[in-house]
PDB file of all heavy atoms in Angstrom:
ATOM      1  N   ILE A   1      -5.640   3.947   5.220  1.00  0.00           N
ATOM      2  CA  ILE A   1      -5.725   2.548   4.780  1.00  0.00           C
ATOM      3  C   ILE A   1      -6.061   1.648   5.958  1.00  0.00           C
ATOM      4  O   ILE A   1      -6.887   0.731   5.861  1.00  0.00           O
ATOM      5  CB  ILE A   1      -4.390   2.102   4.133  1.00  0.00           C
ATOM      6  CG1 ILE A   1      -4.095   2.937   2.888  1.00  0.00           C
ATOM      7  CG2 ILE A   1      -4.440   0.620   3.753  1.00  0.00           C
ATOM      8  CD1 ILE A   1      -2.695   2.724   2.329  1.00  0.00           C
ATOM      9  N   ASN A   2      -5.422   1.924   7.086  1.00  0.00           N
ATOM     10  CA  ASN A   2      -5.659   1.138   8.288  1.00  0.00           C
ATOM     11  C   ASN A   2      -7.098   1.286   8.767  1.00  0.00           C
ATOM     12  O   ASN A   2      -7.740   0.313   9.177  1.00  0.00           O
ATOM     13  CB  ASN A   2      -4.690   1.580   9.384  1.00  0.00           C
ATOM     14  CG  ASN A   2      -4.759   0.693  10.605  1.00  0.00           C
ATOM     15  OD1 ASN A   2      -4.968  -0.510  10.489  1.00  0.00           O
ATOM     16  ND2 ASN A   2      -4.574   1.269  11.768  1.00  0.00           N
ATOM     17  N   GLN A   3      -7.640   2.503   8.695  1.00  0.00           N
ATOM     18  CA  GLN A   3      -9.017   2.738   9.115  1.00  0.00           C
ATOM     19  C   GLN A   3      -9.990   1.948   8.237  1.00  0.00           C
ATOM     20  O   GLN A   3     -10.904   1.281   8.746  1.00  0.00           O
ATOM     21  CB  GLN A   3      -9.342   4.230   9.043  1.00  0.00           C
ATOM     22  CG  GLN A   3     -10.774   4.552   9.483  1.00  0.00           C
ATOM     23  CD  GLN A   3     -11.120   6.016   9.281  1.00  0.00           C
ATOM     24  OE1 GLN A   3     -10.420   6.732   8.582  1.00  0.00           O
ATOM     25  NE2 GLN A   3     -12.212   6.453   9.884  1.00  0.00           N
ATOM     26  N   ILE A   4      -9.799   2.007   6.928  1.00  0.00           N
ATOM     27  CA  ILE A   4     -10.677   1.278   6.006  1.00  0.00           C
ATOM     28  C   ILE A   4     -10.614  -0.223   6.282  1.00  0.00           C
ATOM     29  O   ILE A   4     -11.638  -0.913   6.305  1.00  0.00           O
ATOM     30  CB  ILE A   4     -10.286   1.580   4.541  1.00  0.00           C
ATOM     31  CG1 ILE A   4     -10.519   3.057   4.217  1.00  0.00           C
ATOM     32  CG2 ILE A   4     -11.084   0.700   3.584  1.00  0.00           C
ATOM     33  CD1 ILE A   4      -9.961   3.488   2.872  1.00  0.00           C
ATOM     34  N   SER A   5      -9.407  -0.743   6.517  1.00  0.00           N
ATOM     35  CA  SER A   5      -9.225  -2.181   6.737  1.00  0.00           C
ATOM     36  C   SER A   5      -9.890  -2.636   8.030  1.00  0.00           C
ATOM     37  O   SER A   5     -10.568  -3.663   8.065  1.00  0.00           O
ATOM     38  CB  SER A   5      -7.734  -2.526   6.771  1.00  0.00           C
ATOM     39  OG  SER A   5      -7.102  -2.151   5.571  1.00  0.00           O
ATOM     40  N   GLN A   6      -9.689  -1.867   9.109  1.00  0.00           N
ATOM     41  CA  GLN A   6     -10.218  -2.271  10.409  1.00  0.00           C
ATOM     42  C   GLN A   6     -11.735  -2.183  10.465  1.00  0.00           C
ATOM     43  O   GLN A   6     -12.387  -3.011  11.103  1.00  0.00           O
ATOM     44  CB  GLN A   6      -9.607  -1.406  11.517  1.00  0.00           C
ATOM     45  CG  GLN A   6      -8.151  -1.713  11.791  1.00  0.00           C
ATOM     46  CD  GLN A   6      -7.662  -1.058  13.069  1.00  0.00           C
ATOM     47  OE1 GLN A   6      -8.418  -0.881  14.007  1.00  0.00           O
ATOM     48  NE2 GLN A   6      -6.396  -0.698  13.106  1.00  0.00           N
ATOM     49  N   GLU A   7     -12.312  -1.198   9.788  1.00  0.00           N
ATOM     50  CA  GLU A   7     -13.758  -1.000   9.876  1.00  0.00           C
ATOM     51  C   GLU A   7     -14.542  -1.858   8.879  1.00  0.00           C
ATOM     52  O   GLU A   7     -15.772  -1.883   8.928  1.00  0.00           O
ATOM     53  CB  GLU A   7     -14.089   0.481   9.665  1.00  0.00           C
ATOM     54  CG  GLU A   7     -13.566   1.361  10.798  1.00  0.00           C
ATOM     55  CD  GLU A   7     -13.868   2.830  10.597  1.00  0.00           C
ATOM     56  OE1 GLU A   7     -14.376   3.191   9.511  1.00  0.00           O
ATOM     57  OE2 GLU A   7     -13.600   3.614  11.519  1.00  0.00           O
ATOM     58  N   ASN A   8     -13.844  -2.556   7.991  1.00  0.00           N
ATOM     59  CA  ASN A   8     -14.516  -3.407   6.987  1.00  0.00           C
ATOM     60  C   ASN A   8     -13.844  -4.770   6.897  1.00  0.00           C
ATOM     61  O   ASN A   8     -13.494  -5.237   5.809  1.00  0.00           O
ATOM     62  CB  ASN A   8     -14.501  -2.714   5.615  1.00  0.00           C
ATOM     63  CG  ASN A   8     -15.185  -1.368   5.630  1.00  0.00           C
ATOM     64  OD1 ASN A   8     -16.400  -1.262   5.505  1.00  0.00           O
ATOM     65  ND2 ASN A   8     -14.394  -0.307   5.783  1.00  0.00           N
ATOM     66  N   GLN A   9     -13.664  -5.392   8.059  1.00  0.00           N
ATOM     67  CA  GLN A   9     -12.915  -6.649   8.096  1.00  0.00           C
ATOM     68  C   GLN A   9     -13.649  -7.807   7.417  1.00  0.00           C
ATOM     69  O   GLN A   9     -13.028  -8.796   7.046  1.00  0.00           O
ATOM     70  CB  GLN A   9     -12.580  -7.015   9.540  1.00  0.00           C
ATOM     71  CG  GLN A   9     -11.610  -6.035  10.178  1.00  0.00           C
ATOM     72  CD  GLN A   9     -11.119  -6.486  11.544  1.00  0.00           C
ATOM     73  OE1 GLN A   9     -11.006  -7.670  11.815  1.00  0.00           O
ATOM     74  NE2 GLN A   9     -10.824  -5.529  12.411  1.00  0.00           N
ATOM     75  N   ASP A  10     -14.986  -7.694   7.260  1.00  0.00           N
ATOM     76  CA  ASP A  10     -15.718  -8.740   6.540  1.00  0.00           C
ATOM     77  C   ASP A  10     -15.461  -8.688   5.038  1.00  0.00           C
ATOM     78  O   ASP A  10     -15.676  -9.680   4.331  1.00  0.00           O
ATOM     79  CB  ASP A  10     -17.232  -8.603   6.784  1.00  0.00           C
ATOM     80  CG  ASP A  10     -17.609  -8.943   8.217  1.00  0.00           C
ATOM     81  OD1 ASP A  10     -16.847  -9.691   8.853  1.00  0.00           O
ATOM     82  OD2 ASP A  10     -18.648  -8.447   8.696  1.00  0.00           O
ATOM     83  N   LEU A  11     -15.004  -7.535   4.567  1.00  0.00           N
ATOM     84  CA  LEU A  11     -14.812  -7.341   3.127  1.00  0.00           C
ATOM     85  C   LEU A  11     -13.342  -7.240   2.740  1.00  0.00           C
ATOM     86  O   LEU A  11     -12.898  -7.872   1.773  1.00  0.00           O
ATOM     87  CB  LEU A  11     -15.549  -6.069   2.678  1.00  0.00           C
ATOM     88  CG  LEU A  11     -15.378  -5.641   1.220  1.00  0.00           C
ATOM     89  CD1 LEU A  11     -15.978  -6.686   0.287  1.00  0.00           C
ATOM     90  CD2 LEU A  11     -16.023  -4.279   0.983  1.00  0.00           C
ATOM     91  N   ILE A  12     -12.567  -6.459   3.482  1.00  0.00           N
ATOM     92  CA  ILE A  12     -11.187  -6.146   3.113  1.00  0.00           C
ATOM     93  C   ILE A  12     -10.207  -7.083   3.825  1.00  0.00           C
ATOM     94  O   ILE A  12     -10.292  -7.273   5.040  1.00  0.00           O
ATOM     95  CB  ILE A  12     -10.843  -4.681   3.450  1.00  0.00           C
ATOM     96  CG1 ILE A  12     -11.848  -3.728   2.786  1.00  0.00           C
ATOM     97  CG2 ILE A  12      -9.416  -4.351   3.021  1.00  0.00           C
ATOM     98  CD1 ILE A  12     -11.884  -3.821   1.275  1.00  0.00           C
ATOM     99  N   LEU A  13      -9.280  -7.649   3.069  1.00  0.00           N
ATOM    100  CA  LEU A  13      -8.227  -8.506   3.624  1.00  0.00           C
ATOM    101  C   LEU A  13      -6.980  -7.651   3.825  1.00  0.00           C
ATOM    102  O   LEU A  13      -6.183  -7.448   2.913  1.00  0.00           O
ATOM    103  CB  LEU A  13      -7.937  -9.677   2.675  1.00  0.00           C
ATOM    104  CG  LEU A  13      -6.923 -10.720   3.151  1.00  0.00           C
ATOM    105  CD1 LEU A  13      -7.378 -11.368   4.446  1.00  0.00           C
ATOM    106  CD2 LEU A  13      -6.700 -11.773   2.081  1.00  0.00           C
ATOM    107  N   GLU A  14      -6.811  -7.143   5.038  1.00  0.00           N
ATOM    108  CA  GLU A  14      -5.786  -6.133   5.343  1.00  0.00           C
ATOM    109  C   GLU A  14      -4.358  -6.526   4.940  1.00  0.00           C
ATOM    110  O   GLU A  14      -3.642  -5.717   4.349  1.00  0.00           O
ATOM    111  CB  GLU A  14      -5.861  -5.786   6.836  1.00  0.00           C
ATOM    112  CG  GLU A  14      -4.956  -4.649   7.263  1.00  0.00           C
ATOM    113  CD  GLU A  14      -3.617  -5.149   7.767  1.00  0.00           C
ATOM    114  OE1 GLU A  14      -3.523  -6.335   8.102  1.00  0.00           O
ATOM    115  OE2 GLU A  14      -2.691  -4.338   7.792  1.00  0.00           O
ATOM    116  N   PRO A  15      -3.896  -7.756   5.207  1.00  0.00           N
ATOM    117  CA  PRO A  15      -2.497  -8.080   4.873  1.00  0.00           C
ATOM    118  C   PRO A  15      -2.185  -8.030   3.375  1.00  0.00           C
ATOM    119  O   PRO A  15      -1.026  -7.916   2.997  1.00  0.00           O
ATOM    120  CB  PRO A  15      -2.329  -9.509   5.408  1.00  0.00           C
ATOM    121  CG  PRO A  15      -3.390  -9.669   6.437  1.00  0.00           C
ATOM    122  CD  PRO A  15      -4.535  -8.861   5.939  1.00  0.00           C
ATOM    123  N   LYS A  16      -3.228  -8.125   2.528  1.00  0.00           N
ATOM    124  CA  LYS A  16      -3.002  -8.153   1.079  1.00  0.00           C
ATOM    125  C   LYS A  16      -3.134  -6.786   0.423  1.00  0.00           C
ATOM    126  O   LYS A  16      -2.925  -6.651  -0.787  1.00  0.00           O
ATOM    127  CB  LYS A  16      -3.995  -9.126   0.422  1.00  0.00           C
ATOM    128  CG  LYS A  16      -3.818 -10.582   0.837  1.00  0.00           C
ATOM    129  CD  LYS A  16      -2.540 -11.155   0.276  1.00  0.00           C
ATOM    130  CE  LYS A  16      -2.421 -12.640   0.597  1.00  0.00           C
ATOM    131  NZ  LYS A  16      -1.176 -13.216   0.066  1.00  0.00           N
ATOM    132  N   ASN A  17      -3.497  -5.748   1.183  1.00  0.00           N
ATOM    133  CA  ASN A  17      -3.574  -4.404   0.612  1.00  0.00           C
ATOM    134  C   ASN A  17      -2.201  -3.988   0.085  1.00  0.00           C
ATOM    135  O   ASN A  17      -1.181  -4.277   0.705  1.00  0.00           O
ATOM    136  CB  ASN A  17      -4.041  -3.390   1.656  1.00  0.00           C
ATOM    137  CG  ASN A  17      -5.499  -3.600   2.045  1.00  0.00           C
ATOM    138  OD1 ASN A  17      -6.247  -4.269   1.337  1.00  0.00           O
ATOM    139  ND2 ASN A  17      -5.901  -3.041   3.172  1.00  0.00           N
ATOM    140  N   ARG A  18      -2.192  -3.292  -1.042  1.00  0.00           N
ATOM    141  CA  ARG A  18      -0.902  -2.900  -1.636  1.00  0.00           C
ATOM    142  C   ARG A  18      -0.988  -1.502  -2.224  1.00  0.00           C
ATOM    143  O   ARG A  18      -1.888  -1.198  -3.002  1.00  0.00           O
ATOM    144  CB  ARG A  18      -0.498  -3.891  -2.727  1.00  0.00           C
ATOM    145  CG  ARG A  18       0.924  -3.685  -3.254  1.00  0.00           C
ATOM    146  CD  ARG A  18       1.288  -4.788  -4.227  1.00  0.00           C
ATOM    147  NE  ARG A  18       0.746  -4.544  -5.543  1.00  0.00           N
ATOM    148  CZ  ARG A  18       1.403  -3.921  -6.525  1.00  0.00           C
ATOM    149  NH1 ARG A  18       2.631  -3.465  -6.321  1.00  0.00           N
ATOM    150  NH2 ARG A  18       0.842  -3.751  -7.714  1.00  0.00           N
ATOM    151  N   LEU A  19      -0.053  -0.661  -1.814  1.00  0.00           N
ATOM    152  CA  LEU A  19       0.063   0.679  -2.377  1.00  0.00           C
ATOM    153  C   LEU A  19       1.060   0.600  -3.529  1.00  0.00           C
ATOM    154  O   LEU A  19       2.243   0.314  -3.325  1.00  0.00           O
ATOM    155  CB  LEU A  19       0.550   1.662  -1.306  1.00  0.00           C
ATOM    156  CG  LEU A  19       0.346   3.149  -1.575  1.00  0.00           C
ATOM    157  CD1 LEU A  19      -1.135   3.471  -1.747  1.00  0.00           C
ATOM    158  CD2 LEU A  19       0.940   3.977  -0.459  1.00  0.00           C
ATOM    159  N   ARG A  20       0.581   0.815  -4.733  1.00  0.00           N
ATOM    160  CA  ARG A  20       1.451   0.682  -5.910  1.00  0.00           C
ATOM    161  C   ARG A  20       2.543   1.758  -5.892  1.00  0.00           C
ATOM    162  O   ARG A  20       2.281   2.908  -5.524  1.00  0.00           O
ATOM    163  CB  ARG A  20       0.629   0.800  -7.187  1.00  0.00           C
ATOM    164  CG  ARG A  20      -0.305  -0.370  -7.437  1.00  0.00           C
ATOM    165  CD  ARG A  20      -1.109  -0.160  -8.711  1.00  0.00           C
ATOM    166  NE  ARG A  20      -1.981  -1.286  -9.005  1.00  0.00           N
ATOM    167  CZ  ARG A  20      -2.843  -1.317 -10.023  1.00  0.00           C
ATOM    168  NH1 ARG A  20      -2.950  -0.257 -10.835  1.00  0.00           N
ATOM    169  NH2 ARG A  20      -3.593  -2.381 -10.214  1.00  0.00           N
ATOM    170  N   PRO A  21       3.763   1.406  -6.285  1.00  0.00           N
ATOM    171  CA  PRO A  21       4.848   2.403  -6.288  1.00  0.00           C
ATOM    172  C   PRO A  21       4.647   3.464  -7.359  1.00  0.00           C
ATOM    173  O   PRO A  21       4.082   3.191  -8.422  1.00  0.00           O
ATOM    174  CB  PRO A  21       6.094   1.550  -6.578  1.00  0.00           C
ATOM    175  CG  PRO A  21       5.592   0.330  -7.268  1.00  0.00           C
ATOM    176  CD  PRO A  21       4.219   0.070  -6.705  1.00  0.00           C
ATOM    177  N   THR A  22       5.093   4.687  -7.068  1.00  0.00           N
ATOM    178  CA  THR A  22       5.084   5.748  -8.074  1.00  0.00           C
ATOM    179  C   THR A  22       6.237   5.521  -9.054  1.00  0.00           C
ATOM    180  O   THR A  22       7.060   4.631  -8.866  1.00  0.00           O
ATOM    181  CB  THR A  22       5.242   7.122  -7.402  1.00  0.00           C
ATOM    182  OG1 THR A  22       6.495   7.143  -6.700  1.00  0.00           O
ATOM    183  CG2 THR A  22       4.116   7.381  -6.415  1.00  0.00           C
ATOM    184  N   ARG A  23       6.303   6.374 -10.074  1.00  0.00           N
ATOM    185  CA  ARG A  23       7.374   6.214 -11.070  1.00  0.00           C
ATOM    186  C   ARG A  23       8.749   6.397 -10.445  1.00  0.00           C
ATOM    187  O   ARG A  23       9.697   5.689 -10.782  1.00  0.00           O
ATOM    188  CB  ARG A  23       7.171   7.224 -12.200  1.00  0.00           C
ATOM    189  CG  ARG A  23       5.937   6.957 -13.052  1.00  0.00           C
ATOM    190  CD  ARG A  23       5.784   7.998 -14.147  1.00  0.00           C
ATOM    191  NE  ARG A  23       4.591   7.749 -14.947  1.00  0.00           N
ATOM    192  CZ  ARG A  23       4.194   8.520 -15.940  1.00  0.00           C
ATOM    193  NH1 ARG A  23       4.919   9.608 -16.255  1.00  0.00           N
ATOM    194  NH2 ARG A  23       3.103   8.235 -16.623  1.00  0.00           N
ATOM    195  N   VAL A  24       8.856   7.366  -9.530  1.00  0.00           N
ATOM    196  CA  VAL A  24      10.143   7.599  -8.861  1.00  0.00           C
ATOM    197  C   VAL A  24      10.559   6.365  -8.073  1.00  0.00           C
ATOM    198  O   VAL A  24      11.710   5.914  -8.132  1.00  0.00           O
ATOM    199  CB  VAL A  24      10.048   8.829  -7.931  1.00  0.00           C
ATOM    200  CG1 VAL A  24      11.293   8.944  -7.061  1.00  0.00           C
ATOM    201  CG2 VAL A  24       9.858  10.096  -8.753  1.00  0.00           C
ATOM    202  N   GLU A  25       9.622   5.799  -7.317  1.00  0.00           N
ATOM    203  CA  GLU A  25       9.923   4.620  -6.503  1.00  0.00           C
ATOM    204  C   GLU A  25      10.247   3.408  -7.367  1.00  0.00           C
ATOM    205  O   GLU A  25      11.135   2.622  -7.039  1.00  0.00           O
ATOM    206  CB  GLU A  25       8.729   4.306  -5.590  1.00  0.00           C
ATOM    207  CG  GLU A  25       8.489   5.362  -4.518  1.00  0.00           C
ATOM    208  CD  GLU A  25       7.163   5.184  -3.824  1.00  0.00           C
ATOM    209  OE1 GLU A  25       6.174   4.833  -4.507  1.00  0.00           O
ATOM    210  OE2 GLU A  25       7.103   5.394  -2.595  1.00  0.00           O
ATOM    211  N   GLU A  26       9.529   3.269  -8.470  1.00  0.00           N
ATOM    212  CA  GLU A  26       9.689   2.068  -9.293  1.00  0.00           C
ATOM    213  C   GLU A  26      10.940   2.112 -10.157  1.00  0.00           C
ATOM    214  O   GLU A  26      11.712   1.142 -10.199  1.00  0.00           O
ATOM    215  CB  GLU A  26       8.449   1.893 -10.176  1.00  0.00           C
ATOM    216  CG  GLU A  26       8.452   0.578 -10.951  1.00  0.00           C
ATOM    217  CD  GLU A  26       7.119   0.323 -11.638  1.00  0.00           C
ATOM    218  OE1 GLU A  26       6.222   1.200 -11.567  1.00  0.00           O
ATOM    219  OE2 GLU A  26       6.983  -0.745 -12.249  1.00  0.00           O
ATOM    220  N   TYR A  27      11.170   3.241 -10.841  1.00  0.00           N
ATOM    221  CA  TYR A  27      12.254   3.295 -11.823  1.00  0.00           C
ATOM    222  C   TYR A  27      13.591   3.741 -11.243  1.00  0.00           C
ATOM    223  O   TYR A  27      14.643   3.368 -11.757  1.00  0.00           O
ATOM    224  CB  TYR A  27      11.855   4.222 -12.984  1.00  0.00           C
ATOM    225  CG  TYR A  27      10.660   3.718 -13.758  1.00  0.00           C
ATOM    226  CD1 TYR A  27       9.479   4.446 -13.790  1.00  0.00           C
ATOM    227  CD2 TYR A  27      10.712   2.497 -14.429  1.00  0.00           C
ATOM    228  CE1 TYR A  27       8.373   3.989 -14.485  1.00  0.00           C
ATOM    229  CE2 TYR A  27       9.609   2.030 -15.137  1.00  0.00           C
ATOM    230  CZ  TYR A  27       8.447   2.774 -15.153  1.00  0.00           C
ATOM    231  OH  TYR A  27       7.354   2.298 -15.838  1.00  0.00           O
ATOM    232  N   ILE A  28      13.572   4.547 -10.201  1.00  0.00           N
ATOM    233  CA  ILE A  28      14.830   5.033  -9.625  1.00  0.00           C
ATOM    234  C   ILE A  28      15.268   4.193  -8.436  1.00  0.00           C
ATOM    235  O   ILE A  28      16.446   3.893  -8.265  1.00  0.00           O
ATOM    236  CB  ILE A  28      14.705   6.525  -9.211  1.00  0.00           C
ATOM    237  CG1 ILE A  28      14.354   7.380 -10.437  1.00  0.00           C
ATOM    238  CG2 ILE A  28      16.005   7.008  -8.576  1.00  0.00           C
ATOM    239  CD1 ILE A  28      14.197   8.860 -10.134  1.00  0.00           C
ATOM    240  N   PHE A  29      14.293   3.776  -7.599  1.00  0.00           N
ATOM    241  CA  PHE A  29      14.640   3.064  -6.369  1.00  0.00           C
ATOM    242  C   PHE A  29      14.178   1.609  -6.371  1.00  0.00           C
ATOM    243  O   PHE A  29      14.120   0.971  -5.325  1.00  0.00           O
ATOM    244  CB  PHE A  29      14.051   3.795  -5.164  1.00  0.00           C
ATOM    245  CG  PHE A  29      14.700   5.127  -4.903  1.00  0.00           C
ATOM    246  CD1 PHE A  29      14.197   6.281  -5.480  1.00  0.00           C
ATOM    247  CD2 PHE A  29      15.823   5.226  -4.100  1.00  0.00           C
ATOM    248  CE1 PHE A  29      14.789   7.509  -5.261  1.00  0.00           C
ATOM    249  CE2 PHE A  29      16.427   6.449  -3.871  1.00  0.00           C
ATOM    250  CZ  PHE A  29      15.911   7.597  -4.454  1.00  0.00           C
ATOM    251  N   GLY A  30      13.843   1.101  -7.548  1.00  0.00           N
ATOM    252  CA  GLY A  30      13.528  -0.327  -7.662  1.00  0.00           C
ATOM    253  C   GLY A  30      12.307  -0.770  -6.880  1.00  0.00           C
ATOM    254  O   GLY A  30      12.246  -1.908  -6.402  1.00  0.00           O
ATOM    255  N   GLY A  31      11.329   0.115  -6.723  1.00  0.00           N
ATOM    256  CA  GLY A  31      10.104  -0.238  -6.014  1.00  0.00           C
ATOM    257  C   GLY A  31      10.132   0.041  -4.527  1.00  0.00           C
ATOM    258  O   GLY A  31       9.141  -0.186  -3.824  1.00  0.00           O
ATOM    259  N   ARG A  32      11.262   0.540  -4.017  1.00  0.00           N
ATOM    260  CA  ARG A  32      11.350   0.841  -2.586  1.00  0.00           C
ATOM    261  C   ARG A  32      10.444   2.009  -2.222  1.00  0.00           C
ATOM    262  O   ARG A  32      10.492   3.054  -2.867  1.00  0.00           O
ATOM    263  CB  ARG A  32      12.791   1.184  -2.229  1.00  0.00           C
ATOM    264  CG  ARG A  32      12.965   1.610  -0.776  1.00  0.00           C
ATOM    265  CD  ARG A  32      14.332   2.198  -0.541  1.00  0.00           C
ATOM    266  NE  ARG A  32      14.355   2.937   0.709  1.00  0.00           N
ATOM    267  CZ  ARG A  32      15.350   3.713   1.104  1.00  0.00           C
ATOM    268  NH1 ARG A  32      16.420   3.849   0.348  1.00  0.00           N
ATOM    269  NH2 ARG A  32      15.308   4.351   2.250  1.00  0.00           N
ATOM    270  N   PRO A  33       9.587   1.878  -1.192  1.00  0.00           N
ATOM    271  CA  PRO A  33       8.692   2.984  -0.828  1.00  0.00           C
ATOM    272  C   PRO A  33       9.453   4.163  -0.238  1.00  0.00           C
ATOM    273  O   PRO A  33      10.361   3.997   0.566  1.00  0.00           O
ATOM    274  CB  PRO A  33       7.757   2.344   0.220  1.00  0.00           C
ATOM    275  CG  PRO A  33       8.517   1.180   0.760  1.00  0.00           C
ATOM    276  CD  PRO A  33       9.384   0.685  -0.358  1.00  0.00           C
ATOM    277  N   LEU A  34       9.053   5.384  -0.655  1.00  0.00           N
ATOM    278  CA  LEU A  34       9.715   6.598  -0.179  1.00  0.00           C
ATOM    279  C   LEU A  34       8.791   7.480   0.647  1.00  0.00           C
ATOM    280  O   LEU A  34       9.253   8.427   1.278  1.00  0.00           O
ATOM    281  CB  LEU A  34      10.250   7.407  -1.367  1.00  0.00           C
ATOM    282  CG  LEU A  34      11.467   6.824  -2.094  1.00  0.00           C
ATOM    283  CD1 LEU A  34      11.788   7.660  -3.315  1.00  0.00           C
ATOM    284  CD2 LEU A  34      12.675   6.764  -1.171  1.00  0.00           C
ATOM    285  N   ALA A  35       7.506   7.178   0.644  1.00  0.00           N
ATOM    286  CA  ALA A  35       6.576   7.987   1.433  1.00  0.00           C
ATOM    287  C   ALA A  35       6.924   7.853   2.915  1.00  0.00           C
ATOM    288  O   ALA A  35       7.302   6.777   3.386  1.00  0.00           O
ATOM    289  CB  ALA A  35       5.141   7.532   1.186  1.00  0.00           C
ATOM    290  N   ILE A  36       6.817   8.964   3.638  1.00  0.00           N
ATOM    291  CA  ILE A  36       7.151   8.959   5.059  1.00  0.00           C
ATOM    292  C   ILE A  36       6.204   8.027   5.810  1.00  0.00           C
ATOM    293  O   ILE A  36       4.980   8.114   5.663  1.00  0.00           O
ATOM    294  CB  ILE A  36       7.071  10.386   5.635  1.00  0.00           C
ATOM    295  CG1 ILE A  36       8.174  11.258   5.010  1.00  0.00           C
ATOM    296  CG2 ILE A  36       7.213  10.376   7.149  1.00  0.00           C
ATOM    297  CD1 ILE A  36       8.157  12.695   5.469  1.00  0.00           C
TER     298      ILE A  36
END
């Protein structure tokens, strides 16, 4: 994600990128990210 953002700064707004939570993260942990 960082590579895509840095190499396309004219197009991609890095601070607004969002990785949507999986079902486990959303329903069990209230949206808290669990990926390492």
